[in-house]
Amino acid sequence: QVQLAESGGGLVQAGGSLRLSCAASGRTFSTNAMGWFRQAPGKEREFVAAITWSGGVHYADYADSVKGRFTISRDSAKNAVTLQMNSLKPEDTAVYYCAARWGNSIVVVTPERYSYWGQGTQVTVSS
């Protein structure tokens, strides 16, 4: 099993920044991809960003709605990923979930393909 723990959510004004972190523990060798999804009230969970790694090479991808504003990165020594969120908009308000899976280097955007999930952290962007 892999346990994921998110941190860093909060309340910020539009145009501001937040940094989310996700620390993995347990059988982390069984995963080589981690991502962030978000779910707003009344909406389905949607892909935000993900990163895969293989042989020291990292691949990342982003939802169109966050490209140029969000950056995902991985700290292999800490088994953690971070999501730096800049130029936040009210529509970014949601619960953000960290997820992990084992697969190839292709970034997977479908939440059902991820095996492990964190509890979520609330991000609220005021206008």
N, C-alpha and C. Protein backbone atom coordinates (compact mmCIF):
# COMPACT_ATOMS: atom_id res chain seq x y z
N GLN A 1 0.82 -1.20 0.00
CA GLN A 1 0.00 0.00 0.00
C GLN A 1 0.86 1.25 0.00
N VAL A 2 0.31 2.30 -0.56
CA VAL A 2 0.97 3.60 -0.59
C VAL A 2 0.04 4.61 0.07
N GLN A 3 0.59 5.38 0.97
CA GLN A 3 -0.19 6.43 1.63
C GLN A 3 0.25 7.78 1.09
N LEU A 4 -0.72 8.64 0.84
CA LEU A 4 -0.44 9.97 0.31
C LEU A 4 -1.01 11.01 1.26
N ALA A 5 -0.23 12.02 1.56
CA ALA A 5 -0.66 13.07 2.47
C ALA A 5 -0.43 14.43 1.82
N GLU A 6 -1.54 15.15 1.60
CA GLU A 6 -1.44 16.47 0.98
C GLU A 6 -1.35 17.55 2.05
N SER A 7 -0.75 18.66 1.66
CA SER A 7 -0.70 19.84 2.53
C SER A 7 -0.57 21.08 1.66
N GLY A 8 -0.90 22.22 2.24
CA GLY A 8 -0.66 23.48 1.55
C GLY A 8 -1.88 24.20 1.02
N GLY A 9 -3.06 23.63 1.18
CA GLY A 9 -4.25 24.32 0.71
C GLY A 9 -4.55 25.54 1.57
N GLY A 10 -5.56 26.30 1.15
CA GLY A 10 -5.94 27.46 1.93
C GLY A 10 -6.77 28.44 1.12
N LEU A 11 -6.89 29.64 1.66
CA LEU A 11 -7.67 30.71 1.04
C LEU A 11 -6.71 31.76 0.49
N VAL A 12 -6.93 32.17 -0.75
CA VAL A 12 -6.08 33.16 -1.39
C VAL A 12 -6.93 34.03 -2.29
N GLN A 13 -6.50 35.25 -2.49
CA GLN A 13 -7.20 36.13 -3.41
C GLN A 13 -6.83 35.82 -4.85
N ALA A 14 -7.72 36.16 -5.75
CA ALA A 14 -7.45 35.97 -7.17
C ALA A 14 -6.15 36.66 -7.55
N GLY A 15 -5.36 35.95 -8.36
CA GLY A 15 -4.05 36.46 -8.74
C GLY A 15 -2.94 36.00 -7.83
N GLY A 16 -3.29 35.42 -6.71
CA GLY A 16 -2.29 34.97 -5.75
C GLY A 16 -1.75 33.59 -6.07
N SER A 17 -0.94 33.08 -5.15
CA SER A 17 -0.27 31.79 -5.35
C SER A 17 -0.44 30.90 -4.14
N LEU A 18 -0.41 29.61 -4.40
CA LEU A 18 -0.38 28.59 -3.36
C LEU A 18 0.52 27.46 -3.83
N ARG A 19 1.05 26.74 -2.87
CA ARG A 19 1.92 25.61 -3.18
C ARG A 19 1.38 24.39 -2.44
N LEU A 20 0.99 23.38 -3.17
CA LEU A 20 0.51 22.14 -2.59
C LEU A 20 1.64 21.10 -2.59
N SER A 21 1.69 20.31 -1.54
CA SER A 21 2.67 19.24 -1.45
C SER A 21 1.97 17.92 -1.19
N CYS A 22 2.56 16.85 -1.69
CA CYS A 22 2.03 15.51 -1.47
C CYS A 22 3.20 14.60 -1.15
N ALA A 23 3.17 14.05 0.04
CA ALA A 23 4.22 13.14 0.47
C ALA A 23 3.72 11.71 0.41
N ALA A 24 4.49 10.85 -0.21
CA ALA A 24 4.14 9.44 -0.33
C ALA A 24 4.93 8.61 0.67
N SER A 25 4.28 7.61 1.23
CA SER A 25 4.95 6.70 2.15
C SER A 25 4.43 5.29 1.90
N GLY A 26 5.11 4.32 2.47
CA GLY A 26 4.74 2.92 2.27
C GLY A 26 5.50 2.33 1.08
N ARG A 27 4.83 1.57 0.27
CA ARG A 27 5.47 0.88 -0.85
C ARG A 27 5.63 1.81 -2.05
N THR A 28 6.40 2.87 -1.87
CA THR A 28 6.52 3.89 -2.90
C THR A 28 7.22 3.37 -4.15
N PHE A 29 7.96 2.26 -4.04
CA PHE A 29 8.61 1.69 -5.21
C PHE A 29 7.60 1.12 -6.20
N SER A 30 6.34 0.98 -5.75
CA SER A 30 5.31 0.43 -6.61
C SER A 30 4.60 1.51 -7.41
N THR A 31 5.10 2.74 -7.35
CA THR A 31 4.50 3.82 -8.12
C THR A 31 5.58 4.55 -8.90
N ASN A 32 5.23 5.02 -10.08
CA ASN A 32 6.15 5.85 -10.85
C ASN A 32 5.41 7.00 -11.53
N ALA A 33 4.28 7.33 -10.99
CA ALA A 33 3.52 8.46 -11.51
C ALA A 33 2.68 9.04 -10.40
N MET A 34 2.65 10.35 -10.30
CA MET A 34 1.82 11.03 -9.32
C MET A 34 1.17 12.22 -9.98
N GLY A 35 -0.02 12.51 -9.52
CA GLY A 35 -0.73 13.61 -10.14
C GLY A 35 -1.64 14.32 -9.18
N TRP A 36 -2.21 15.40 -9.68
CA TRP A 36 -3.18 16.18 -8.92
C TRP A 36 -4.49 16.25 -9.71
N PHE A 37 -5.55 16.03 -8.98
CA PHE A 37 -6.89 16.18 -9.52
C PHE A 37 -7.63 17.16 -8.62
N ARG A 38 -8.74 17.68 -9.10
CA ARG A 38 -9.53 18.56 -8.26
C ARG A 38 -11.02 18.32 -8.51
N GLN A 39 -11.79 18.64 -7.49
CA GLN A 39 -13.22 18.45 -7.58
C GLN A 39 -13.92 19.62 -6.91
N ALA A 40 -14.69 20.34 -7.71
CA ALA A 40 -15.48 21.45 -7.20
C ALA A 40 -16.88 20.93 -6.86
N PRO A 41 -17.60 21.62 -5.99
CA PRO A 41 -18.95 21.16 -5.62
C PRO A 41 -19.84 20.98 -6.84
N GLY A 42 -20.48 19.82 -6.91
CA GLY A 42 -21.40 19.55 -8.00
C GLY A 42 -20.74 19.17 -9.31
N LYS A 43 -19.43 19.05 -9.31
CA LYS A 43 -18.71 18.71 -10.54
C LYS A 43 -17.94 17.41 -10.37
N GLU A 44 -17.56 16.82 -11.49
CA GLU A 44 -16.77 15.60 -11.46
C GLU A 44 -15.31 15.93 -11.16
N ARG A 45 -14.62 14.94 -10.67
CA ARG A 45 -13.19 15.10 -10.42
C ARG A 45 -12.47 15.27 -11.76
N GLU A 46 -11.59 16.23 -11.84
CA GLU A 46 -10.91 16.50 -13.10
C GLU A 46 -9.40 16.54 -12.93
N PHE A 47 -8.73 16.19 -14.00
CA PHE A 47 -7.27 16.19 -14.04
C PHE A 47 -6.72 17.61 -13.98
N VAL A 48 -5.65 17.79 -13.22
CA VAL A 48 -4.98 19.08 -13.15
C VAL A 48 -3.56 18.97 -13.72
N ALA A 49 -2.77 18.08 -13.17
CA ALA A 49 -1.39 17.91 -13.61
C ALA A 49 -0.87 16.57 -13.11
N ALA A 50 0.11 16.03 -13.80
CA ALA A 50 0.71 14.78 -13.36
C ALA A 50 2.15 14.71 -13.86
N ILE A 51 2.93 13.88 -13.19
CA ILE A 51 4.32 13.69 -13.54
C ILE A 51 4.65 12.21 -13.44
N THR A 52 5.40 11.72 -14.41
CA THR A 52 5.87 10.33 -14.39
C THR A 52 7.39 10.34 -14.40
N TRP A 53 7.97 9.24 -13.98
CA TRP A 53 9.43 9.18 -13.98
C TRP A 53 9.89 7.77 -14.32
N SER A 54 10.98 7.72 -15.07
CA SER A 54 11.55 6.44 -15.47
C SER A 54 13.01 6.66 -15.84
N GLY A 55 13.90 5.92 -15.20
CA GLY A 55 15.31 6.04 -15.51
C GLY A 55 15.85 7.44 -15.34
N GLY A 56 15.33 8.16 -14.39
CA GLY A 56 15.80 9.51 -14.13
C GLY A 56 15.19 10.58 -15.00
N VAL A 57 14.34 10.19 -15.94
CA VAL A 57 13.68 11.15 -16.84
C VAL A 57 12.26 11.39 -16.33
N HIS A 58 11.88 12.64 -16.28
CA HIS A 58 10.54 13.01 -15.83
C HIS A 58 9.71 13.53 -17.00
N TYR A 59 8.43 13.20 -16.96
CA TYR A 59 7.49 13.71 -17.96
C TYR A 59 6.34 14.35 -17.20
N ALA A 60 5.89 15.49 -17.65
CA ALA A 60 4.79 16.17 -16.98
C ALA A 60 3.77 16.64 -18.01
N ASP A 61 2.55 16.74 -17.57
CA ASP A 61 1.49 17.25 -18.43
C ASP A 61 0.48 17.98 -17.56
N TYR A 62 -0.27 18.86 -18.21
CA TYR A 62 -1.20 19.73 -17.50
C TYR A 62 -2.53 19.84 -18.23
N ALA A 63 -3.56 20.09 -17.47
CA ALA A 63 -4.85 20.43 -18.08
C ALA A 63 -4.69 21.78 -18.78
N ASP A 64 -5.43 21.96 -19.86
CA ASP A 64 -5.33 23.22 -20.61
C ASP A 64 -5.66 24.41 -19.72
N SER A 65 -6.57 24.21 -18.78
CA SER A 65 -7.03 25.32 -17.94
C SER A 65 -5.96 25.84 -16.98
N VAL A 66 -4.90 25.06 -16.77
CA VAL A 66 -3.87 25.49 -15.82
C VAL A 66 -2.49 25.66 -16.46
N LYS A 67 -2.37 25.32 -17.74
CA LYS A 67 -1.08 25.46 -18.41
C LYS A 67 -0.59 26.91 -18.33
N GLY A 68 0.68 27.04 -18.01
CA GLY A 68 1.28 28.37 -17.89
C GLY A 68 1.10 28.99 -16.52
N ARG A 69 0.24 28.40 -15.69
CA ARG A 69 0.01 28.94 -14.34
C ARG A 69 0.47 27.97 -13.26
N PHE A 70 0.32 26.67 -13.50
CA PHE A 70 0.67 25.66 -12.51
C PHE A 70 1.92 24.92 -12.96
N THR A 71 2.71 24.49 -11.98
CA THR A 71 3.90 23.69 -12.26
C THR A 71 3.98 22.54 -11.28
N ILE A 72 4.12 21.33 -11.81
CA ILE A 72 4.27 20.15 -10.96
C ILE A 72 5.74 19.75 -10.98
N SER A 73 6.24 19.33 -9.82
CA SER A 73 7.62 18.89 -9.72
C SER A 73 7.71 17.77 -8.70
N ARG A 74 8.82 17.04 -8.78
CA ARG A 74 8.99 15.89 -7.88
C ARG A 74 10.32 16.00 -7.15
N ASP A 75 10.28 15.63 -5.90
CA ASP A 75 11.48 15.52 -5.06
C ASP A 75 11.65 14.04 -4.77
N SER A 76 12.54 13.38 -5.52
CA SER A 76 12.68 11.93 -5.38
C SER A 76 13.22 11.54 -4.02
N ALA A 77 14.05 12.38 -3.43
CA ALA A 77 14.63 12.05 -2.13
C ALA A 77 13.56 12.02 -1.04
N LYS A 78 12.53 12.82 -1.21
CA LYS A 78 11.46 12.90 -0.22
C LYS A 78 10.22 12.13 -0.63
N ASN A 79 10.26 11.48 -1.79
CA ASN A 79 9.07 10.80 -2.31
C ASN A 79 7.87 11.74 -2.28
N ALA A 80 8.06 12.92 -2.82
CA ALA A 80 7.02 13.94 -2.76
C ALA A 80 6.90 14.66 -4.09
N VAL A 81 5.71 15.17 -4.34
CA VAL A 81 5.50 16.05 -5.48
C VAL A 81 4.87 17.34 -4.98
N THR A 82 5.14 18.40 -5.69
CA THR A 82 4.54 19.67 -5.34
C THR A 82 3.81 20.24 -6.55
N LEU A 83 2.82 21.05 -6.27
CA LEU A 83 2.09 21.75 -7.32
C LEU A 83 2.14 23.23 -6.98
N GLN A 84 2.92 23.97 -7.74
CA GLN A 84 3.00 25.41 -7.56
C GLN A 84 1.91 26.04 -8.40
N MET A 85 1.02 26.77 -7.74
CA MET A 85 -0.12 27.36 -8.43
C MET A 85 -0.01 28.88 -8.37
N ASN A 86 0.13 29.49 -9.53
CA ASN A 86 0.24 30.93 -9.63
C ASN A 86 -0.94 31.51 -10.40
N SER A 87 -1.12 32.80 -10.28
CA SER A 87 -2.21 33.49 -11.00
C SER A 87 -3.53 32.77 -10.80
N LEU A 88 -3.83 32.46 -9.56
CA LEU A 88 -5.03 31.68 -9.26
C LEU A 88 -6.29 32.47 -9.59
N LYS A 89 -7.29 31.71 -10.01
CA LYS A 89 -8.58 32.28 -10.41
C LYS A 89 -9.68 31.69 -9.53
N PRO A 90 -10.80 32.38 -9.37
CA PRO A 90 -11.90 31.81 -8.57
C PRO A 90 -12.32 30.44 -9.07
N GLU A 91 -12.24 30.20 -10.37
CA GLU A 91 -12.62 28.88 -10.91
C GLU A 91 -11.64 27.78 -10.55
N ASP A 92 -10.53 28.11 -9.93
CA ASP A 92 -9.61 27.09 -9.43
C ASP A 92 -10.05 26.55 -8.07
N THR A 93 -11.08 27.15 -7.49
CA THR A 93 -11.57 26.71 -6.19
C THR A 93 -12.08 25.28 -6.26
N ALA A 94 -11.56 24.44 -5.39
CA ALA A 94 -11.92 23.01 -5.40
C ALA A 94 -11.17 22.32 -4.27
N VAL A 95 -11.54 21.07 -4.05
CA VAL A 95 -10.70 20.20 -3.22
C VAL A 95 -9.69 19.55 -4.16
N TYR A 96 -8.43 19.65 -3.81
CA TYR A 96 -7.36 19.10 -4.62
C TYR A 96 -6.88 17.79 -4.02
N TYR A 97 -6.80 16.77 -4.87
CA TYR A 97 -6.40 15.44 -4.44
C TYR A 97 -5.10 15.03 -5.11
N CYS A 98 -4.23 14.43 -4.34
CA CYS A 98 -3.01 13.83 -4.86
C CYS A 98 -3.31 12.36 -5.18
N ALA A 99 -2.74 11.85 -6.25
CA ALA A 99 -2.96 10.46 -6.65
C ALA A 99 -1.66 9.86 -7.16
N ALA A 100 -1.58 8.54 -7.10
CA ALA A 100 -0.37 7.84 -7.56
C ALA A 100 -0.75 6.54 -8.25
N ARG A 101 0.13 6.10 -9.16
CA ARG A 101 -0.11 4.86 -9.90
C ARG A 101 1.20 4.33 -10.40
N TRP A 102 1.15 3.11 -10.90
CA TRP A 102 2.30 2.52 -11.59
C TRP A 102 1.92 2.39 -13.06
N GLY A 103 2.80 2.80 -13.96
CA GLY A 103 2.52 2.68 -15.37
C GLY A 103 3.73 3.01 -16.21
N ASN A 104 3.51 3.36 -17.47
CA ASN A 104 4.63 3.75 -18.34
C ASN A 104 4.81 5.26 -18.25
N SER A 105 5.61 5.80 -19.13
CA SER A 105 5.95 7.22 -19.04
C SER A 105 4.84 8.15 -19.53
N ILE A 106 3.80 7.58 -20.12
CA ILE A 106 2.72 8.42 -20.62
C ILE A 106 1.89 8.93 -19.44
N VAL A 107 1.65 10.22 -19.41
CA VAL A 107 0.85 10.80 -18.33
C VAL A 107 -0.61 10.41 -18.53
N VAL A 108 -1.20 9.88 -17.50
CA VAL A 108 -2.59 9.44 -17.54
C VAL A 108 -3.46 10.50 -16.87
N VAL A 109 -4.54 10.87 -17.56
CA VAL A 109 -5.39 11.94 -17.05
C VAL A 109 -6.70 11.43 -16.48
N THR A 110 -6.92 10.13 -16.55
CA THR A 110 -8.18 9.53 -16.09
C THR A 110 -8.04 9.14 -14.63
N PRO A 111 -8.86 9.68 -13.76
CA PRO A 111 -8.70 9.37 -12.33
C PRO A 111 -8.86 7.89 -12.00
N GLU A 112 -9.69 7.17 -12.78
CA GLU A 112 -9.90 5.75 -12.48
C GLU A 112 -8.63 4.92 -12.65
N ARG A 113 -7.66 5.47 -13.35
CA ARG A 113 -6.41 4.72 -13.59
C ARG A 113 -5.41 4.88 -12.43
N TYR A 114 -5.74 5.67 -11.45
CA TYR A 114 -4.85 5.87 -10.32
C TYR A 114 -5.28 4.99 -9.16
N SER A 115 -4.30 4.35 -8.55
CA SER A 115 -4.57 3.35 -7.51
C SER A 115 -4.64 3.93 -6.12
N TYR A 116 -3.91 4.99 -5.89
CA TYR A 116 -3.78 5.53 -4.54
C TYR A 116 -4.20 7.01 -4.53
N TRP A 117 -4.86 7.39 -3.43
CA TRP A 117 -5.38 8.75 -3.32
C TRP A 117 -5.14 9.30 -1.93
N GLY A 118 -4.92 10.61 -1.88
CA GLY A 118 -4.86 11.29 -0.60
C GLY A 118 -6.26 11.73 -0.19
N GLN A 119 -6.33 12.37 0.97
CA GLN A 119 -7.61 12.78 1.53
C GLN A 119 -8.13 14.07 0.92
N GLY A 120 -7.26 14.83 0.30
CA GLY A 120 -7.68 16.08 -0.32
C GLY A 120 -7.38 17.29 0.55
N THR A 121 -7.18 18.42 -0.11
CA THR A 121 -6.95 19.67 0.59
C THR A 121 -7.72 20.77 -0.14
N GLN A 122 -8.38 21.61 0.64
CA GLN A 122 -9.25 22.64 0.07
C GLN A 122 -8.42 23.83 -0.41
N VAL A 123 -8.73 24.27 -1.62
CA VAL A 123 -8.17 25.50 -2.17
C VAL A 123 -9.33 26.42 -2.51
N THR A 124 -9.33 27.60 -1.92
CA THR A 124 -10.39 28.56 -2.17
C THR A 124 -9.77 29.85 -2.67
N VAL A 125 -10.25 30.31 -3.83
CA VAL A 125 -9.73 31.54 -4.42
C VAL A 125 -10.87 32.56 -4.45
N SER A 126 -10.69 33.64 -3.74
CA SER A 126 -11.73 34.67 -3.67
C SER A 126 -11.52 35.71 -4.76
N SER A 127 -12.63 36.27 -5.22
CA SER A 127 -12.56 37.27 -6.30
C SER A 127 -12.40 38.68 -5.74
